[in-house]
Amino acid sequence: MDTARKYRAVVEPFGEERGTDLSELELGRIRATIAMLPTNVTTILDVGCGDGRIIERMPKRFKTVGVDYSYHSGMRLVKNGVCASAENLPFRDRSIDLVLCCEVLEHLPDKMFKTTLAELERVSRHYILISVPYKENLQLGTTKCSKCNTVFHIWGHIRRFSNRDLNKLFVSYEVNSTSRHIYFTPVTTRSCGD
């Protein structure tokens, strides 16, 4: 079974459940994400949108689309939802003002991670906004299955991020913020016709 199929087999069960009872901490993270949206943005793509908890809380002035690898997640979105891999986003180059990717990158295997970064950069017209665990000690979150002895991270995290890592994520973008949410802007200004 290839990596993409294995990954879908892992994430699909999570898409079957819709998060209705969100903790105050999670709601605070969502509010902080929305507060970081630049004023000149009209179109937003949420890559790895899950149950739509972020885009469904965005002000109506934004045109939003959620993308998730889980078939169930896309079907449950109230707003526009697309079932697709972050490795192959079904959008034209530089067609979205802001590409959002929250709490996703830390889960991706190496090849998917690199391809996803390239795709986020490809479809973004102006901004990329990500949220990742910062300087997480991955060993603190590991456990061992009592049946098969497999060691794994309890949330499926396989990578950690530091300032150094974040500064290297996108070739033609630079870090604008180093808070929990990382905001990337183009290194060179693009004209509207690009």
N, C-alpha and C. Protein backbone atom coordinates (compact mmCIF):
# COMPACT_ATOMS: atom_id res chain seq x y z
N MET A 1 0.85 -1.18 0.00
CA MET A 1 0.00 0.00 0.00
C MET A 1 0.89 1.24 0.00
N ASP A 2 0.64 2.21 -0.89
CA ASP A 2 1.47 3.40 -0.94
C ASP A 2 1.19 4.33 0.24
N THR A 3 2.07 5.30 0.43
CA THR A 3 1.98 6.21 1.57
C THR A 3 0.65 6.95 1.61
N ALA A 4 0.19 7.43 0.46
CA ALA A 4 -1.07 8.18 0.42
C ALA A 4 -2.25 7.33 0.89
N ARG A 5 -2.30 6.07 0.47
CA ARG A 5 -3.40 5.19 0.89
C ARG A 5 -3.33 4.90 2.39
N LYS A 6 -2.12 4.67 2.89
CA LYS A 6 -1.95 4.43 4.32
C LYS A 6 -2.40 5.65 5.11
N TYR A 7 -2.01 6.83 4.61
CA TYR A 7 -2.38 8.07 5.29
C TYR A 7 -3.90 8.24 5.32
N ARG A 8 -4.55 7.97 4.18
CA ARG A 8 -6.02 8.10 4.14
C ARG A 8 -6.66 7.12 5.12
N ALA A 9 -6.14 5.92 5.20
CA ALA A 9 -6.70 4.92 6.12
C ALA A 9 -6.62 5.39 7.57
N VAL A 10 -5.60 6.16 7.89
CA VAL A 10 -5.43 6.67 9.25
C VAL A 10 -6.36 7.85 9.51
N VAL A 11 -6.48 8.79 8.55
CA VAL A 11 -7.24 10.02 8.80
C VAL A 11 -8.74 9.88 8.59
N GLU A 12 -9.17 8.93 7.78
CA GLU A 12 -10.60 8.84 7.46
C GLU A 12 -11.50 8.67 8.67
N PRO A 13 -11.16 7.85 9.65
CA PRO A 13 -12.05 7.72 10.82
C PRO A 13 -12.26 9.04 11.56
N PHE A 14 -11.25 9.92 11.56
CA PHE A 14 -11.40 11.21 12.25
C PHE A 14 -12.40 12.11 11.54
N GLY A 15 -12.52 11.96 10.22
CA GLY A 15 -13.47 12.76 9.46
C GLY A 15 -14.91 12.36 9.69
N GLU A 16 -15.13 11.18 10.23
CA GLU A 16 -16.49 10.71 10.47
C GLU A 16 -17.16 11.41 11.64
N GLU A 17 -16.34 11.95 12.55
CA GLU A 17 -16.89 12.63 13.72
C GLU A 17 -16.76 14.13 13.53
N ARG A 18 -17.81 14.83 13.82
CA ARG A 18 -17.80 16.27 13.70
C ARG A 18 -17.62 16.87 15.09
N GLY A 19 -16.63 17.74 15.23
CA GLY A 19 -16.36 18.36 16.52
C GLY A 19 -17.36 19.45 16.84
N THR A 20 -18.33 19.16 17.68
CA THR A 20 -19.32 20.17 18.04
C THR A 20 -19.02 20.78 19.41
N ASP A 21 -18.47 20.01 20.29
CA ASP A 21 -18.15 20.50 21.62
C ASP A 21 -16.67 20.84 21.68
N LEU A 22 -16.34 22.06 21.27
CA LEU A 22 -14.95 22.47 21.26
C LEU A 22 -14.59 23.10 22.60
N SER A 23 -13.38 22.83 23.05
CA SER A 23 -12.91 23.40 24.31
C SER A 23 -12.69 24.90 24.15
N GLU A 24 -12.65 25.60 25.26
CA GLU A 24 -12.38 27.04 25.22
C GLU A 24 -10.99 27.30 24.64
N LEU A 25 -10.05 26.41 24.89
CA LEU A 25 -8.70 26.53 24.34
C LEU A 25 -8.74 26.45 22.81
N GLU A 26 -9.50 25.49 22.28
CA GLU A 26 -9.62 25.34 20.83
C GLU A 26 -10.35 26.53 20.22
N LEU A 27 -11.40 27.00 20.87
CA LEU A 27 -12.12 28.17 20.37
C LEU A 27 -11.22 29.40 20.39
N GLY A 28 -10.37 29.51 21.40
CA GLY A 28 -9.41 30.61 21.47
C GLY A 28 -8.41 30.54 20.32
N ARG A 29 -7.96 29.33 19.98
CA ARG A 29 -7.03 29.16 18.86
C ARG A 29 -7.70 29.57 17.55
N ILE A 30 -8.96 29.22 17.41
CA ILE A 30 -9.71 29.59 16.20
C ILE A 30 -9.87 31.11 16.11
N ARG A 31 -10.23 31.74 17.22
CA ARG A 31 -10.37 33.20 17.23
C ARG A 31 -9.04 33.88 16.90
N ALA A 32 -7.94 33.36 17.44
CA ALA A 32 -6.62 33.93 17.17
C ALA A 32 -6.26 33.78 15.69
N THR A 33 -6.63 32.66 15.10
CA THR A 33 -6.37 32.44 13.67
C THR A 33 -7.13 33.46 12.84
N ILE A 34 -8.39 33.63 13.12
CA ILE A 34 -9.22 34.57 12.36
C ILE A 34 -8.73 36.00 12.57
N ALA A 35 -8.28 36.34 13.76
CA ALA A 35 -7.79 37.69 14.04
C ALA A 35 -6.54 38.03 13.24
N MET A 36 -5.80 37.03 12.80
CA MET A 36 -4.57 37.27 12.04
C MET A 36 -4.80 37.48 10.55
N LEU A 37 -6.03 37.33 10.08
CA LEU A 37 -6.29 37.47 8.65
C LEU A 37 -6.09 38.92 8.21
N PRO A 38 -5.27 39.16 7.20
CA PRO A 38 -5.06 40.52 6.70
C PRO A 38 -6.35 41.12 6.14
N THR A 39 -6.45 42.42 6.20
CA THR A 39 -7.67 43.09 5.76
C THR A 39 -7.88 43.05 4.25
N ASN A 40 -6.82 42.87 3.48
CA ASN A 40 -6.96 42.87 2.02
C ASN A 40 -7.27 41.49 1.44
N VAL A 41 -7.60 40.53 2.27
CA VAL A 41 -7.90 39.17 1.83
C VAL A 41 -9.39 39.03 1.56
N THR A 42 -9.73 38.38 0.44
CA THR A 42 -11.14 38.06 0.17
C THR A 42 -11.34 36.56 0.02
N THR A 43 -10.33 35.83 -0.53
CA THR A 43 -10.47 34.39 -0.73
C THR A 43 -9.51 33.64 0.19
N ILE A 44 -10.04 32.58 0.81
CA ILE A 44 -9.25 31.78 1.76
C ILE A 44 -9.45 30.30 1.45
N LEU A 45 -8.33 29.58 1.42
CA LEU A 45 -8.35 28.14 1.27
C LEU A 45 -7.82 27.54 2.56
N ASP A 46 -8.61 26.70 3.22
CA ASP A 46 -8.20 26.03 4.46
C ASP A 46 -7.81 24.60 4.12
N VAL A 47 -6.50 24.35 4.07
CA VAL A 47 -5.97 23.03 3.70
C VAL A 47 -5.86 22.18 4.96
N GLY A 48 -6.53 21.03 4.95
CA GLY A 48 -6.59 20.20 6.15
C GLY A 48 -7.64 20.73 7.09
N CYS A 49 -8.78 21.13 6.53
CA CYS A 49 -9.82 21.84 7.28
C CYS A 49 -10.55 20.95 8.28
N GLY A 50 -10.42 19.63 8.15
CA GLY A 50 -11.12 18.74 9.08
C GLY A 50 -12.61 18.98 9.05
N ASP A 51 -13.19 19.21 10.21
CA ASP A 51 -14.64 19.39 10.29
C ASP A 51 -15.10 20.81 9.98
N GLY A 52 -14.18 21.66 9.54
CA GLY A 52 -14.55 23.02 9.14
C GLY A 52 -14.64 24.00 10.30
N ARG A 53 -14.09 23.63 11.44
CA ARG A 53 -14.24 24.45 12.64
C ARG A 53 -13.69 25.86 12.50
N ILE A 54 -12.73 26.06 11.61
CA ILE A 54 -12.19 27.42 11.43
C ILE A 54 -12.99 28.17 10.38
N ILE A 55 -13.09 27.61 9.17
CA ILE A 55 -13.73 28.39 8.10
C ILE A 55 -15.21 28.62 8.35
N GLU A 56 -15.86 27.76 9.08
CA GLU A 56 -17.28 27.98 9.35
C GLU A 56 -17.52 29.07 10.39
N ARG A 57 -16.46 29.53 11.03
CA ARG A 57 -16.58 30.63 12.00
C ARG A 57 -16.05 31.95 11.44
N MET A 58 -15.62 31.95 10.20
CA MET A 58 -15.08 33.16 9.60
C MET A 58 -16.19 34.12 9.22
N PRO A 59 -15.87 35.42 9.27
CA PRO A 59 -16.87 36.41 8.82
C PRO A 59 -17.32 36.13 7.39
N LYS A 60 -18.55 36.48 7.10
CA LYS A 60 -19.15 36.18 5.80
C LYS A 60 -18.49 36.92 4.64
N ARG A 61 -17.71 37.95 4.92
CA ARG A 61 -17.07 38.71 3.84
C ARG A 61 -16.02 37.89 3.10
N PHE A 62 -15.56 36.79 3.69
CA PHE A 62 -14.56 35.95 3.05
C PHE A 62 -15.23 34.87 2.20
N LYS A 63 -14.64 34.60 1.05
CA LYS A 63 -15.04 33.44 0.24
C LYS A 63 -14.09 32.33 0.65
N THR A 64 -14.63 31.28 1.23
CA THR A 64 -13.78 30.22 1.77
C THR A 64 -14.05 28.87 1.11
N VAL A 65 -12.99 28.08 1.06
CA VAL A 65 -13.08 26.70 0.60
C VAL A 65 -12.23 25.88 1.55
N GLY A 66 -12.78 24.75 1.98
CA GLY A 66 -12.03 23.84 2.83
C GLY A 66 -11.62 22.61 2.04
N VAL A 67 -10.38 22.18 2.24
CA VAL A 67 -9.86 20.97 1.60
C VAL A 67 -9.44 20.01 2.69
N ASP A 68 -9.87 18.77 2.58
CA ASP A 68 -9.41 17.76 3.52
C ASP A 68 -9.28 16.44 2.79
N TYR A 69 -8.37 15.62 3.28
CA TYR A 69 -8.11 14.32 2.67
C TYR A 69 -9.20 13.31 3.04
N SER A 70 -9.95 13.60 4.07
CA SER A 70 -11.02 12.71 4.50
C SER A 70 -12.29 12.98 3.69
N TYR A 71 -12.85 11.93 3.11
CA TYR A 71 -14.10 12.07 2.37
C TYR A 71 -15.21 12.60 3.28
N HIS A 72 -15.27 12.08 4.49
CA HIS A 72 -16.32 12.46 5.43
C HIS A 72 -16.24 13.94 5.81
N SER A 73 -15.04 14.44 6.01
CA SER A 73 -14.91 15.86 6.38
C SER A 73 -15.47 16.76 5.31
N GLY A 74 -15.11 16.52 4.06
CA GLY A 74 -15.60 17.36 2.97
C GLY A 74 -17.10 17.33 2.83
N MET A 75 -17.71 16.16 3.05
CA MET A 75 -19.16 16.04 2.90
C MET A 75 -19.90 16.76 4.02
N ARG A 76 -19.28 16.92 5.17
CA ARG A 76 -19.96 17.51 6.32
C ARG A 76 -19.85 19.02 6.40
N LEU A 77 -18.99 19.61 5.58
CA LEU A 77 -18.82 21.06 5.63
C LEU A 77 -20.08 21.78 5.20
N VAL A 78 -20.45 22.80 5.96
CA VAL A 78 -21.60 23.62 5.61
C VAL A 78 -21.22 24.50 4.43
N LYS A 79 -20.01 25.07 4.47
CA LYS A 79 -19.52 25.89 3.36
C LYS A 79 -18.86 24.96 2.34
N ASN A 80 -18.23 25.54 1.33
CA ASN A 80 -17.61 24.76 0.25
C ASN A 80 -16.54 23.82 0.78
N GLY A 81 -16.66 22.56 0.44
CA GLY A 81 -15.67 21.57 0.83
C GLY A 81 -15.22 20.74 -0.35
N VAL A 82 -13.93 20.42 -0.37
CA VAL A 82 -13.35 19.64 -1.44
C VAL A 82 -12.54 18.51 -0.81
N CYS A 83 -12.72 17.30 -1.30
CA CYS A 83 -11.91 16.18 -0.85
C CYS A 83 -10.72 16.08 -1.79
N ALA A 84 -9.54 16.38 -1.26
CA ALA A 84 -8.32 16.33 -2.06
C ALA A 84 -7.13 16.22 -1.15
N SER A 85 -6.04 15.80 -1.73
CA SER A 85 -4.78 15.72 -0.99
C SER A 85 -4.10 17.08 -1.01
N ALA A 86 -3.46 17.43 0.09
CA ALA A 86 -2.68 18.67 0.15
C ALA A 86 -1.50 18.60 -0.81
N GLU A 87 -1.18 17.41 -1.27
CA GLU A 87 -0.08 17.23 -2.23
C GLU A 87 -0.47 17.60 -3.65
N ASN A 88 -1.76 17.72 -3.91
CA ASN A 88 -2.23 18.00 -5.26
C ASN A 88 -3.51 18.83 -5.17
N LEU A 89 -3.37 20.07 -4.81
CA LEU A 89 -4.54 20.93 -4.62
C LEU A 89 -5.18 21.27 -5.96
N PRO A 90 -6.49 21.12 -6.08
CA PRO A 90 -7.17 21.36 -7.36
C PRO A 90 -7.51 22.83 -7.59
N PHE A 91 -6.49 23.68 -7.52
CA PHE A 91 -6.65 25.11 -7.71
C PHE A 91 -5.52 25.62 -8.59
N ARG A 92 -5.80 26.69 -9.34
CA ARG A 92 -4.79 27.29 -10.23
C ARG A 92 -3.67 27.95 -9.41
N ASP A 93 -2.55 28.14 -10.05
CA ASP A 93 -1.43 28.85 -9.45
C ASP A 93 -1.86 30.24 -9.00
N ARG A 94 -1.46 30.62 -7.81
CA ARG A 94 -1.72 31.95 -7.23
C ARG A 94 -3.18 32.38 -7.38
N SER A 95 -4.10 31.48 -7.09
CA SER A 95 -5.52 31.78 -7.26
C SER A 95 -6.24 32.12 -5.96
N ILE A 96 -5.57 31.97 -4.82
CA ILE A 96 -6.20 32.20 -3.52
C ILE A 96 -5.41 33.26 -2.76
N ASP A 97 -6.11 34.26 -2.21
CA ASP A 97 -5.43 35.33 -1.48
C ASP A 97 -4.62 34.80 -0.31
N LEU A 98 -5.25 33.96 0.52
CA LEU A 98 -4.58 33.42 1.70
C LEU A 98 -4.82 31.93 1.79
N VAL A 99 -3.74 31.18 1.96
CA VAL A 99 -3.84 29.74 2.17
C VAL A 99 -3.57 29.47 3.64
N LEU A 100 -4.51 28.81 4.28
CA LEU A 100 -4.48 28.51 5.70
C LEU A 100 -4.19 27.02 5.88
N CYS A 101 -3.30 26.70 6.80
CA CYS A 101 -2.98 25.29 7.06
C CYS A 101 -2.67 25.17 8.55
N CYS A 102 -3.68 24.79 9.33
CA CYS A 102 -3.55 24.77 10.79
C CYS A 102 -3.49 23.34 11.33
N GLU A 103 -2.46 23.09 12.12
CA GLU A 103 -2.31 21.82 12.83
C GLU A 103 -2.33 20.63 11.87
N VAL A 104 -1.62 20.76 10.76
CA VAL A 104 -1.56 19.71 9.74
C VAL A 104 -0.13 19.26 9.49
N LEU A 105 0.77 20.20 9.29
CA LEU A 105 2.12 19.89 8.82
C LEU A 105 2.89 18.95 9.73
N GLU A 106 2.62 18.99 11.02
CA GLU A 106 3.33 18.13 11.97
C GLU A 106 2.98 16.65 11.82
N HIS A 107 1.92 16.36 11.06
CA HIS A 107 1.46 14.97 10.87
C HIS A 107 2.00 14.32 9.59
N LEU A 108 2.56 15.09 8.69
CA LEU A 108 2.86 14.59 7.36
C LEU A 108 4.21 13.90 7.25
N PRO A 109 4.23 12.72 6.59
CA PRO A 109 5.51 12.06 6.30
C PRO A 109 6.34 12.94 5.36
N ASP A 110 7.64 12.71 5.31
CA ASP A 110 8.57 13.59 4.60
C ASP A 110 8.15 13.96 3.18
N LYS A 111 7.85 12.98 2.35
CA LYS A 111 7.50 13.30 0.95
C LYS A 111 6.23 14.14 0.88
N MET A 112 5.20 13.76 1.64
CA MET A 112 3.95 14.53 1.66
C MET A 112 4.20 15.94 2.19
N PHE A 113 5.06 16.06 3.18
CA PHE A 113 5.37 17.36 3.79
C PHE A 113 5.97 18.30 2.74
N LYS A 114 6.97 17.84 2.03
CA LYS A 114 7.65 18.68 1.03
C LYS A 114 6.71 19.06 -0.11
N THR A 115 5.93 18.10 -0.58
CA THR A 115 5.01 18.37 -1.68
C THR A 115 3.90 19.32 -1.23
N THR A 116 3.42 19.14 -0.01
CA THR A 116 2.38 20.02 0.52
C THR A 116 2.87 21.46 0.63
N LEU A 117 4.09 21.65 1.13
CA LEU A 117 4.65 23.01 1.21
C LEU A 117 4.69 23.66 -0.16
N ALA A 118 5.11 22.91 -1.16
CA ALA A 118 5.18 23.44 -2.53
C ALA A 118 3.78 23.80 -3.04
N GLU A 119 2.79 22.99 -2.71
CA GLU A 119 1.42 23.26 -3.14
C GLU A 119 0.83 24.49 -2.45
N LEU A 120 1.08 24.64 -1.16
CA LEU A 120 0.59 25.83 -0.44
C LEU A 120 1.15 27.09 -1.08
N GLU A 121 2.43 27.03 -1.39
CA GLU A 121 3.09 28.18 -2.01
C GLU A 121 2.58 28.42 -3.43
N ARG A 122 2.33 27.36 -4.15
CA ARG A 122 1.87 27.48 -5.54
C ARG A 122 0.51 28.18 -5.64
N VAL A 123 -0.45 27.80 -4.79
CA VAL A 123 -1.81 28.35 -4.94
C VAL A 123 -1.99 29.69 -4.23
N SER A 124 -1.08 30.06 -3.34
CA SER A 124 -1.22 31.32 -2.61
C SER A 124 -0.88 32.52 -3.50
N ARG A 125 -1.77 33.49 -3.51
CA ARG A 125 -1.54 34.72 -4.24
C ARG A 125 -0.77 35.72 -3.37
N HIS A 126 -1.09 35.77 -2.08
CA HIS A 126 -0.47 36.78 -1.22
C HIS A 126 0.10 36.23 0.08
N TYR A 127 -0.64 35.36 0.76
CA TYR A 127 -0.25 34.97 2.12
C TYR A 127 -0.41 33.47 2.35
N ILE A 128 0.40 32.98 3.28
CA ILE A 128 0.26 31.63 3.80
C ILE A 128 0.23 31.78 5.32
N LEU A 129 -0.78 31.22 5.96
CA LEU A 129 -0.91 31.29 7.41
C LEU A 129 -0.95 29.86 7.94
N ILE A 130 0.03 29.50 8.77
CA ILE A 130 0.05 28.15 9.32
C ILE A 130 0.04 28.20 10.84
N SER A 131 -0.37 27.11 11.42
CA SER A 131 -0.32 26.92 12.86
C SER A 131 0.26 25.54 13.08
N VAL A 132 1.33 25.47 13.87
CA VAL A 132 2.00 24.20 14.17
C VAL A 132 2.42 24.20 15.64
N PRO A 133 2.59 23.02 16.23
CA PRO A 133 3.15 22.98 17.58
C PRO A 133 4.57 23.54 17.54
N TYR A 134 4.89 24.42 18.46
CA TYR A 134 6.19 25.10 18.45
C TYR A 134 7.13 24.47 19.48
N LYS A 135 8.28 24.03 19.00
CA LYS A 135 9.32 23.42 19.83
C LYS A 135 8.76 22.30 20.72
N GLU A 136 7.89 21.51 20.14
CA GLU A 136 7.29 20.40 20.86
C GLU A 136 8.32 19.31 21.15
N ASN A 137 8.29 18.79 22.36
CA ASN A 137 9.12 17.63 22.69
C ASN A 137 8.32 16.40 22.30
N LEU A 138 8.65 15.83 21.15
CA LEU A 138 7.88 14.72 20.61
C LEU A 138 7.91 13.48 21.50
N GLN A 139 9.00 13.30 22.24
CA GLN A 139 9.10 12.11 23.10
C GLN A 139 8.09 12.15 24.24
N LEU A 140 7.73 13.35 24.70
CA LEU A 140 6.74 13.45 25.78
C LEU A 140 5.36 12.93 25.36
N GLY A 141 5.09 12.96 24.06
CA GLY A 141 3.79 12.53 23.56
C GLY A 141 3.79 11.11 23.02
N THR A 142 4.85 10.37 23.22
CA THR A 142 4.88 9.01 22.68
C THR A 142 4.34 8.00 23.68
N THR A 143 3.80 6.95 23.13
CA THR A 143 3.29 5.85 23.94
C THR A 143 3.54 4.55 23.19
N LYS A 144 3.30 3.44 23.83
CA LYS A 144 3.52 2.14 23.22
C LYS A 144 2.23 1.34 23.27
N CYS A 145 1.87 0.76 22.14
CA CYS A 145 0.68 -0.08 22.07
C CYS A 145 0.92 -1.35 22.91
N SER A 146 0.00 -1.63 23.80
CA SER A 146 0.14 -2.81 24.67
C SER A 146 -0.05 -4.13 23.92
N LYS A 147 -0.66 -4.07 22.74
CA LYS A 147 -0.91 -5.30 21.97
C LYS A 147 0.23 -5.62 20.99
N CYS A 148 0.73 -4.59 20.28
CA CYS A 148 1.72 -4.88 19.23
C CYS A 148 3.09 -4.25 19.50
N ASN A 149 3.18 -3.49 20.61
CA ASN A 149 4.43 -2.83 21.01
C ASN A 149 4.91 -1.72 20.06
N THR A 150 4.04 -1.26 19.18
CA THR A 150 4.39 -0.14 18.30
C THR A 150 4.46 1.13 19.13
N VAL A 151 5.53 1.90 18.94
CA VAL A 151 5.69 3.18 19.62
C VAL A 151 5.20 4.26 18.67
N PHE A 152 4.34 5.15 19.16
CA PHE A 152 3.77 6.21 18.31
C PHE A 152 3.46 7.43 19.16
N HIS A 153 3.30 8.56 18.50
CA HIS A 153 2.92 9.81 19.16
C HIS A 153 1.40 9.79 19.34
N ILE A 154 0.91 10.18 20.49
CA ILE A 154 -0.52 10.07 20.78
C ILE A 154 -1.40 10.91 19.85
N TRP A 155 -0.84 11.99 19.27
CA TRP A 155 -1.60 12.82 18.33
C TRP A 155 -1.13 12.63 16.90
N GLY A 156 -0.23 11.68 16.67
CA GLY A 156 0.25 11.42 15.33
C GLY A 156 1.28 12.43 14.83
N HIS A 157 1.88 13.18 15.73
CA HIS A 157 2.91 14.15 15.32
C HIS A 157 4.21 13.41 15.00
N ILE A 158 4.81 13.78 13.88
CA ILE A 158 6.07 13.15 13.51
C ILE A 158 7.19 14.15 13.27
N ARG A 159 6.90 15.44 13.44
CA ARG A 159 7.95 16.46 13.30
C ARG A 159 7.68 17.63 14.25
N ARG A 160 8.75 18.34 14.56
CA ARG A 160 8.65 19.52 15.42
C ARG A 160 9.15 20.73 14.67
N PHE A 161 8.83 21.92 15.16
CA PHE A 161 9.20 23.16 14.48
C PHE A 161 9.85 24.14 15.44
N SER A 162 10.90 24.77 14.98
CA SER A 162 11.57 25.85 15.70
C SER A 162 11.60 27.06 14.77
N ASN A 163 12.07 28.19 15.26
CA ASN A 163 12.18 29.38 14.40
C ASN A 163 13.02 29.08 13.16
N ARG A 164 14.10 28.36 13.36
CA ARG A 164 15.00 28.02 12.25
C ARG A 164 14.25 27.21 11.18
N ASP A 165 13.48 26.22 11.62
CA ASP A 165 12.70 25.40 10.68
C ASP A 165 11.67 26.25 9.94
N LEU A 166 10.99 27.10 10.66
CA LEU A 166 9.92 27.91 10.07
C LEU A 166 10.46 28.88 9.03
N ASN A 167 11.63 29.43 9.27
CA ASN A 167 12.23 30.37 8.32
C ASN A 167 12.62 29.72 7.00
N LYS A 168 12.69 28.39 6.97
CA LYS A 168 13.08 27.68 5.75
C LYS A 168 11.91 27.02 5.04
N LEU A 169 10.72 27.14 5.53
CA LEU A 169 9.60 26.39 4.96
C LEU A 169 9.26 26.74 3.52
N PHE A 170 9.15 28.03 3.22
CA PHE A 170 8.69 28.45 1.91
C PHE A 170 9.77 29.27 1.21
N VAL A 171 10.11 28.87 0.00
CA VAL A 171 11.22 29.47 -0.74
C VAL A 171 11.01 30.96 -1.01
N SER A 172 9.86 31.35 -1.49
CA SER A 172 9.66 32.74 -1.87
C SER A 172 8.80 33.54 -0.88
N TYR A 173 8.69 33.04 0.33
CA TYR A 173 7.94 33.73 1.37
C TYR A 173 8.83 33.90 2.59
N GLU A 174 8.53 34.91 3.40
CA GLU A 174 9.28 35.11 4.63
C GLU A 174 8.33 35.17 5.82
N VAL A 175 8.86 34.85 6.99
CA VAL A 175 8.06 34.85 8.22
C VAL A 175 7.73 36.28 8.60
N ASN A 176 6.46 36.52 8.88
CA ASN A 176 6.01 37.84 9.29
C ASN A 176 5.71 37.85 10.79
N SER A 177 5.46 36.69 11.39
CA SER A 177 5.14 36.60 12.80
C SER A 177 5.74 35.31 13.35
N THR A 178 6.13 35.34 14.61
CA THR A 178 6.67 34.13 15.21
C THR A 178 5.83 33.71 16.42
N SER A 179 4.56 34.09 16.41
CA SER A 179 3.65 33.62 17.46
C SER A 179 3.27 32.18 17.13
N ARG A 180 2.32 31.63 17.85
CA ARG A 180 1.88 30.26 17.56
C ARG A 180 1.42 30.12 16.11
N HIS A 181 0.82 31.16 15.58
CA HIS A 181 0.42 31.17 14.18
C HIS A 181 1.54 31.85 13.39
N ILE A 182 1.97 31.23 12.33
CA ILE A 182 3.05 31.76 11.52
C ILE A 182 2.46 32.31 10.23
N TYR A 183 2.78 33.52 9.96
CA TYR A 183 2.21 34.27 8.87
C TYR A 183 3.33 34.51 7.87
N PHE A 184 3.16 34.07 6.65
CA PHE A 184 4.19 34.22 5.63
C PHE A 184 3.72 35.21 4.57
N THR A 185 4.62 36.07 4.14
CA THR A 185 4.34 37.02 3.07
C THR A 185 5.40 36.83 1.99
N PRO A 186 5.07 37.18 0.76
CA PRO A 186 6.03 37.01 -0.32
C PRO A 186 7.30 37.82 -0.09
N VAL A 187 8.43 37.27 -0.48
CA VAL A 187 9.70 37.99 -0.39
C VAL A 187 9.70 39.11 -1.40
N THR A 188 9.19 38.85 -2.59
CA THR A 188 9.07 39.88 -3.61
C THR A 188 7.59 40.17 -3.83
N THR A 189 7.26 41.42 -4.05
CA THR A 189 5.86 41.79 -4.27
C THR A 189 5.42 41.34 -5.64
N ARG A 190 4.28 40.73 -5.73
CA ARG A 190 3.71 40.30 -6.99
C ARG A 190 2.65 41.29 -7.39
N SER A 191 2.54 41.56 -8.69
CA SER A 191 1.49 42.46 -9.16
C SER A 191 0.20 41.67 -9.31
N CYS A 192 -0.91 42.40 -9.41
CA CYS A 192 -2.22 41.75 -9.52
C CYS A 192 -2.33 40.87 -10.76
N GLY A 193 -1.59 41.18 -11.81
CA GLY A 193 -1.66 40.42 -13.06
C GLY A 193 -0.82 39.17 -13.06
N ASP A 194 -0.02 38.94 -12.00
CA ASP A 194 0.85 37.75 -11.98
C ASP A 194 0.05 36.49 -11.77
